[in-house]
Amino acid sequence: MARKALTAEAKTKVYGEKDPELTYKVEGLIEGESLTGALTRAEGEALGEYDITQGTLAASDNYSVTFVGAKLTITAANTPADPEPNTEVVNTEDPVTVGDETFYQPSETVQDAISNNVNTGISFSAEASKDVKVNDNGGLEFGKSDKNVDVALTDMHKGETVTFNIEGTMQADASKLKEKGAAAGARRTRTEGKINLVSGKEYEVLEDGNIVITVVLTEAPATINSIKKTEAPATGIEGVNPSTNSGTVSEKWYDMNGRSLQGKPTKKGLYIHNGVKVLVGDKR
């Protein structure tokens, strides 16, 4: 009986792809004879190496086979490149990082257009900036897409309340917002740590920081008509009342929560100066 070496060939695949065909080499078979059956490999789909084994592969009774195994290696999939932000919608200077996602403040044009409807700091992910437009009413319209996108409410503070006037499906982290008056364990439509935001409901901010709002576009388009945060308590903000043209001119600067700042802020954003909102970096 002839002894032949049967050698499996090493294989590689990218995570998520189908297995390649498992092949082998064998030397010295008499012409017209072949092997039957197939190689197999250890189960698993995580990154790493998996043994390729003889499985059912066999020669005829005329041969004695010595099997030499190999490995199937599963490698990481390539991470898609981050999309480039749309510079007509956002300002790419001074981005904000929340978790592992980068957000950009609105461009001066967009900030001016939405300022009557959005009195919170707001930033867009690069993906969100790609296909959003400001409608004639100063709202933000997102088209239906095969991807959901994120916007962030920035510099929020525990105890504030915020009300959304929205169309479509939007979600927030249940650890950041809860419906005002609802018990902590009874947050509306809580699923996997998320709450679906309901237009017209008041939500309480549960901790300081930035709040990511996921705009669900895989189902339908969505629109942010307005986001209104509760007015800050009286802080003694000085300035001329633009509706009555009365008051005292003040050179002091305040953030949007009414906290006095030490001089003119250097970080771009929306502030209060002389009693009116000012976008730092504009042409004032």
Protein backbone atom coordinates (compact mmCIF):
# COMPACT_ATOMS: atom_id res chain seq x y z
CA MET A 1 0.00 0.00 0.00
CA ALA A 2 1.49 3.36 -1.05
CA ARG A 3 1.71 6.14 1.57
CA LYS A 4 0.94 9.61 0.32
CA ALA A 5 1.09 13.05 1.99
CA LEU A 6 -2.13 15.04 1.86
CA THR A 7 -1.46 18.69 2.71
CA ALA A 8 -4.17 21.29 3.38
CA GLU A 9 -3.52 24.81 2.06
CA ALA A 10 -3.73 27.79 4.41
CA LYS A 11 -6.62 30.17 3.80
CA THR A 12 -7.61 33.69 4.84
CA LYS A 13 -10.92 35.52 4.85
CA VAL A 14 -12.19 38.91 6.02
CA TYR A 15 -14.64 38.94 8.91
CA GLY A 16 -18.21 38.71 7.63
CA GLU A 17 -17.33 37.12 4.31
CA LYS A 18 -18.10 33.54 3.21
CA ASP A 19 -15.47 30.87 3.75
CA PRO A 20 -13.12 30.32 0.84
CA GLU A 21 -12.97 26.88 -0.76
CA LEU A 22 -10.71 24.61 1.30
CA THR A 23 -8.09 23.11 -1.00
CA TYR A 24 -5.20 20.69 -0.63
CA LYS A 25 -2.20 19.19 -2.37
CA VAL A 26 -1.49 15.49 -2.80
CA GLU A 27 1.41 13.91 -4.66
CA GLY A 28 1.86 10.56 -6.34
CA LEU A 29 -1.66 9.47 -7.15
CA ILE A 30 -1.85 7.12 -10.10
CA GLU A 31 -3.40 8.79 -13.13
CA GLY A 32 -7.16 8.45 -13.13
CA GLU A 33 -7.46 8.11 -9.36
CA SER A 34 -8.70 10.90 -7.10
CA LEU A 35 -9.70 11.64 -3.51
CA THR A 36 -13.26 11.77 -2.27
CA GLY A 37 -14.89 13.88 0.44
CA ALA A 38 -13.92 17.34 1.64
CA LEU A 39 -11.79 19.18 4.17
CA THR A 40 -13.46 20.94 7.04
CA ARG A 41 -12.45 23.56 9.57
CA ALA A 42 -13.08 24.31 13.23
CA GLU A 43 -16.27 26.29 13.89
CA GLY A 44 -16.21 29.98 14.73
CA GLU A 45 -16.49 33.43 13.13
CA ALA A 46 -14.53 35.63 15.54
CA LEU A 47 -11.17 37.04 14.49
CA GLY A 48 -8.38 34.48 14.79
CA GLU A 49 -7.07 31.17 13.43
CA TYR A 50 -9.08 27.97 12.94
CA ASP A 51 -7.71 24.49 12.25
CA ILE A 52 -8.36 23.01 8.82
CA THR A 53 -8.84 19.27 9.32
CA GLN A 54 -9.13 16.24 7.04
CA GLY A 55 -12.88 15.99 7.43
CA THR A 56 -14.25 13.34 5.06
CA LEU A 57 -11.42 13.62 2.54
CA ALA A 58 -9.96 10.17 1.81
CA ALA A 59 -8.07 8.16 -0.79
CA SER A 60 -8.94 4.72 -2.12
CA ASP A 61 -7.88 1.56 -0.33
CA ASN A 62 -4.77 1.54 -2.51
CA TYR A 63 -3.25 4.40 -0.48
CA SER A 64 -2.40 5.22 3.10
CA VAL A 65 -2.72 8.98 3.67
CA THR A 66 -0.71 11.11 6.05
CA PHE A 67 -2.62 14.37 6.59
CA VAL A 68 -0.87 17.71 7.20
CA GLY A 69 -3.28 20.36 8.46
CA ALA A 70 -3.31 24.15 8.00
CA LYS A 71 -5.10 27.23 9.34
CA LEU A 72 -7.98 29.40 8.20
CA THR A 73 -7.33 32.94 9.44
CA ILE A 74 -10.19 35.44 9.88
CA THR A 75 -8.98 39.03 9.68
CA ALA A 76 -10.69 42.27 10.63
CA ALA A 77 -12.84 44.01 8.06
CA ASN A 78 -11.57 47.33 6.82
CA THR A 79 -13.12 50.22 8.71
CA PRO A 80 -14.91 52.52 6.28
CA ALA A 81 -13.30 55.93 6.04
CA ASP A 82 -15.15 58.60 7.97
CA PRO A 83 -17.22 60.79 5.65
CA GLU A 84 -16.06 64.32 5.05
CA PRO A 85 -18.31 66.92 6.69
CA ASN A 86 -20.25 69.25 4.43
CA THR A 87 -18.58 72.61 4.95
CA GLU A 88 -21.67 74.44 3.69
CA VAL A 89 -23.52 73.09 6.73
CA VAL A 90 -20.81 72.93 9.41
CA ASN A 91 -17.69 74.69 10.55
CA THR A 92 -14.86 72.17 10.75
CA GLU A 93 -12.87 74.15 13.32
CA ASP A 94 -13.11 73.18 17.01
CA PRO A 95 -14.96 69.86 16.59
CA VAL A 96 -16.56 68.18 19.61
CA THR A 97 -15.96 64.50 20.37
CA VAL A 98 -18.72 62.49 22.06
CA GLY A 99 -17.80 58.86 22.63
CA ASP A 100 -16.04 57.81 19.43
CA GLU A 101 -17.94 60.21 17.16
CA THR A 102 -16.92 63.69 16.04
CA PHE A 103 -19.44 66.53 15.81
CA TYR A 104 -19.15 69.94 14.15
CA GLN A 105 -20.86 73.21 14.98
CA PRO A 106 -23.20 74.73 12.39
CA SER A 107 -21.79 77.12 9.83
CA GLU A 108 -22.60 80.77 10.38
CA THR A 109 -25.30 80.63 7.69
CA VAL A 110 -27.02 77.59 9.22
CA GLN A 111 -26.74 78.97 12.78
CA ASP A 112 -28.37 82.23 11.73
CA ALA A 113 -31.15 80.38 9.91
CA ILE A 114 -32.11 78.11 12.82
CA SER A 115 -31.38 80.43 15.75
CA ASN A 116 -35.05 81.36 16.26
CA ASN A 117 -35.98 77.68 16.55
CA VAL A 118 -33.00 76.12 18.33
CA ASN A 119 -31.79 77.73 21.56
CA THR A 120 -29.44 74.92 22.56
CA GLY A 121 -25.93 74.37 21.32
CA ILE A 122 -26.20 71.91 18.43
CA SER A 123 -23.58 70.05 16.40
CA PHE A 124 -23.75 67.63 13.48
CA SER A 125 -21.87 64.43 12.78
CA ALA A 126 -20.15 64.38 9.39
CA GLU A 127 -22.79 61.93 8.15
CA ALA A 128 -25.61 64.17 9.38
CA SER A 129 -24.14 67.19 7.60
CA LYS A 130 -24.10 65.43 4.22
CA ASP A 131 -27.82 65.51 3.50
CA VAL A 132 -29.54 68.07 5.69
CA LYS A 133 -31.10 71.34 4.65
CA VAL A 134 -32.66 74.30 6.41
CA ASN A 135 -36.27 74.72 5.30
CA ASP A 136 -38.12 78.01 4.88
CA ASN A 137 -39.33 77.85 8.49
CA GLY A 138 -35.85 77.51 9.95
CA GLY A 139 -36.15 73.79 10.62
CA LEU A 140 -33.66 71.04 9.79
CA GLU A 141 -34.80 68.48 7.23
CA PHE A 142 -33.06 65.10 6.86
CA GLY A 143 -33.82 62.93 3.82
CA LYS A 144 -34.56 59.20 4.02
CA SER A 145 -31.32 57.21 3.98
CA ASP A 146 -29.88 53.75 4.45
CA LYS A 147 -28.00 55.15 7.46
CA ASN A 148 -29.15 56.83 10.65
CA VAL A 149 -27.33 60.02 11.62
CA ASP A 150 -26.49 61.81 14.86
CA VAL A 151 -26.73 65.38 16.08
CA ALA A 152 -25.55 66.48 19.51
CA LEU A 153 -26.98 68.96 21.97
CA THR A 154 -23.89 70.49 23.54
CA ASP A 155 -23.15 71.87 27.00
CA MET A 156 -26.39 70.68 28.56
CA HIS A 157 -26.79 70.85 32.34
CA LYS A 158 -28.50 68.57 34.84
CA GLY A 159 -31.97 69.76 35.79
CA GLU A 160 -32.65 71.70 32.60
CA THR A 161 -35.64 70.71 30.51
CA VAL A 162 -35.81 70.55 26.75
CA THR A 163 -38.78 70.24 24.40
CA PHE A 164 -38.58 68.90 20.86
CA ASN A 165 -40.88 69.78 17.98
CA ILE A 166 -39.99 66.99 15.56
CA GLU A 167 -41.36 64.90 12.74
CA GLY A 168 -40.11 61.34 12.31
CA THR A 169 -38.26 59.04 14.69
CA MET A 170 -35.48 60.31 16.95
CA GLN A 171 -33.85 58.63 19.91
CA ALA A 172 -31.70 59.66 22.86
CA ASP A 173 -29.72 57.85 25.54
CA ALA A 174 -32.04 57.07 28.47
CA SER A 175 -29.20 57.89 30.88
CA LYS A 176 -29.16 61.47 29.58
CA LEU A 177 -32.83 62.38 29.21
CA LYS A 178 -36.12 61.30 30.73
CA GLU A 179 -39.65 62.47 30.21
CA LYS A 180 -40.33 65.13 32.81
CA GLY A 181 -42.39 63.78 35.68
CA ALA A 182 -41.78 60.15 34.75
CA ALA A 183 -40.17 57.83 37.27
CA ALA A 184 -36.60 56.81 36.46
CA GLY A 185 -37.70 53.22 35.87
CA ALA A 186 -40.61 54.19 33.65
CA ARG A 187 -38.98 56.17 30.89
CA ARG A 188 -41.19 56.32 27.86
CA THR A 189 -40.58 53.72 25.13
CA ARG A 190 -37.23 52.71 26.56
CA THR A 191 -35.53 50.06 24.41
CA GLU A 192 -31.92 48.92 24.85
CA GLY A 193 -31.05 52.06 26.78
CA LYS A 194 -32.73 54.39 24.26
CA ILE A 195 -35.88 56.47 24.47
CA ASN A 196 -37.95 57.57 21.49
CA LEU A 197 -38.46 61.31 21.65
CA VAL A 198 -42.07 62.49 21.43
CA SER A 199 -42.81 65.86 19.88
CA GLY A 200 -44.17 68.34 22.43
CA LYS A 201 -43.06 66.38 25.52
CA GLU A 202 -40.73 67.97 28.07
CA TYR A 203 -37.56 66.04 28.88
CA GLU A 204 -35.36 66.50 31.90
CA VAL A 205 -31.58 66.54 31.47
CA LEU A 206 -30.10 63.95 33.86
CA GLU A 207 -26.42 64.92 33.78
CA ASP A 208 -24.09 67.62 32.54
CA GLY A 209 -22.52 67.19 29.15
CA ASN A 210 -23.44 66.51 25.54
CA ILE A 211 -26.52 64.57 24.46
CA VAL A 212 -26.48 62.62 21.21
CA ILE A 213 -29.76 62.49 19.32
CA THR A 214 -30.01 59.73 16.71
CA VAL A 215 -32.16 60.69 13.74
CA VAL A 216 -33.62 57.44 12.40
CA LEU A 217 -33.67 57.79 8.61
CA THR A 218 -33.90 54.16 7.58
CA GLU A 219 -37.66 54.34 8.05
CA ALA A 220 -38.60 57.76 6.66
CA PRO A 221 -37.36 61.37 6.40
CA ALA A 222 -37.25 63.43 9.59
CA THR A 223 -37.41 67.09 10.53
CA ILE A 224 -36.31 69.04 13.58
CA ASN A 225 -38.71 71.98 13.66
CA SER A 226 -37.41 73.30 16.98
CA ILE A 227 -35.49 72.42 20.12
CA LYS A 228 -36.30 74.63 23.07
CA LYS A 229 -34.44 74.49 26.37
CA THR A 230 -35.94 76.00 29.52
CA GLU A 231 -34.93 79.58 30.06
CA ALA A 232 -32.08 79.96 32.52
CA PRO A 233 -33.06 81.45 35.89
CA ALA A 234 -32.53 85.17 36.37
CA THR A 235 -28.81 85.86 36.27
CA GLY A 236 -28.60 89.62 36.07
CA ILE A 237 -27.65 89.58 32.38
CA GLU A 238 -27.14 93.15 31.29
CA GLY A 239 -27.75 94.62 27.88
CA VAL A 240 -30.09 96.55 25.65
CA ASN A 241 -33.45 94.89 25.13
CA PRO A 242 -33.67 94.74 21.32
CA SER A 243 -37.49 94.81 21.33
CA THR A 244 -37.72 98.03 23.38
CA ASN A 245 -34.27 99.49 22.71
CA SER A 246 -34.00 100.14 26.44
CA GLY A 247 -31.41 99.11 28.97
CA THR A 248 -27.70 99.63 29.46
CA VAL A 249 -24.99 98.67 27.03
CA SER A 250 -22.78 96.01 28.61
CA GLU A 251 -19.51 94.52 27.40
CA LYS A 252 -19.92 91.39 29.55
CA TRP A 253 -20.18 87.96 27.92
CA TYR A 254 -22.37 85.07 29.07
CA ASP A 255 -22.88 81.48 27.94
CA MET A 256 -26.34 80.36 26.83
CA ASN A 257 -27.17 79.31 30.40
CA GLY A 258 -26.60 82.83 31.72
CA ARG A 259 -23.24 82.18 33.38
CA SER A 260 -20.86 85.14 33.28
CA LEU A 261 -17.60 84.57 31.40
CA GLN A 262 -14.18 86.08 31.93
CA GLY A 263 -13.94 88.26 28.86
CA LYS A 264 -14.84 87.38 25.30
CA PRO A 265 -14.94 83.59 24.74
CA THR A 266 -12.36 82.05 22.42
CA LYS A 267 -14.25 78.86 21.61
CA LYS A 268 -16.64 79.24 18.71
CA GLY A 269 -20.27 78.96 19.61
CA LEU A 270 -23.42 80.84 20.58
CA TYR A 271 -23.13 83.33 23.48
CA ILE A 272 -24.93 86.34 24.96
CA HIS A 273 -23.32 89.77 24.59
CA ASN A 274 -25.03 93.06 25.31
CA GLY A 275 -28.28 91.18 25.87
CA VAL A 276 -28.42 89.44 22.49
CA LYS A 277 -27.23 86.12 21.07
CA VAL A 278 -23.89 86.30 19.31
CA LEU A 279 -22.20 83.58 17.28
CA VAL A 280 -18.51 83.95 18.09
CA GLY A 281 -16.62 84.04 14.82
CA ASP A 282 -19.30 85.94 12.90
CA LYS A 283 -18.91 89.46 11.56
CA ARG A 284 -20.16 91.32 14.61
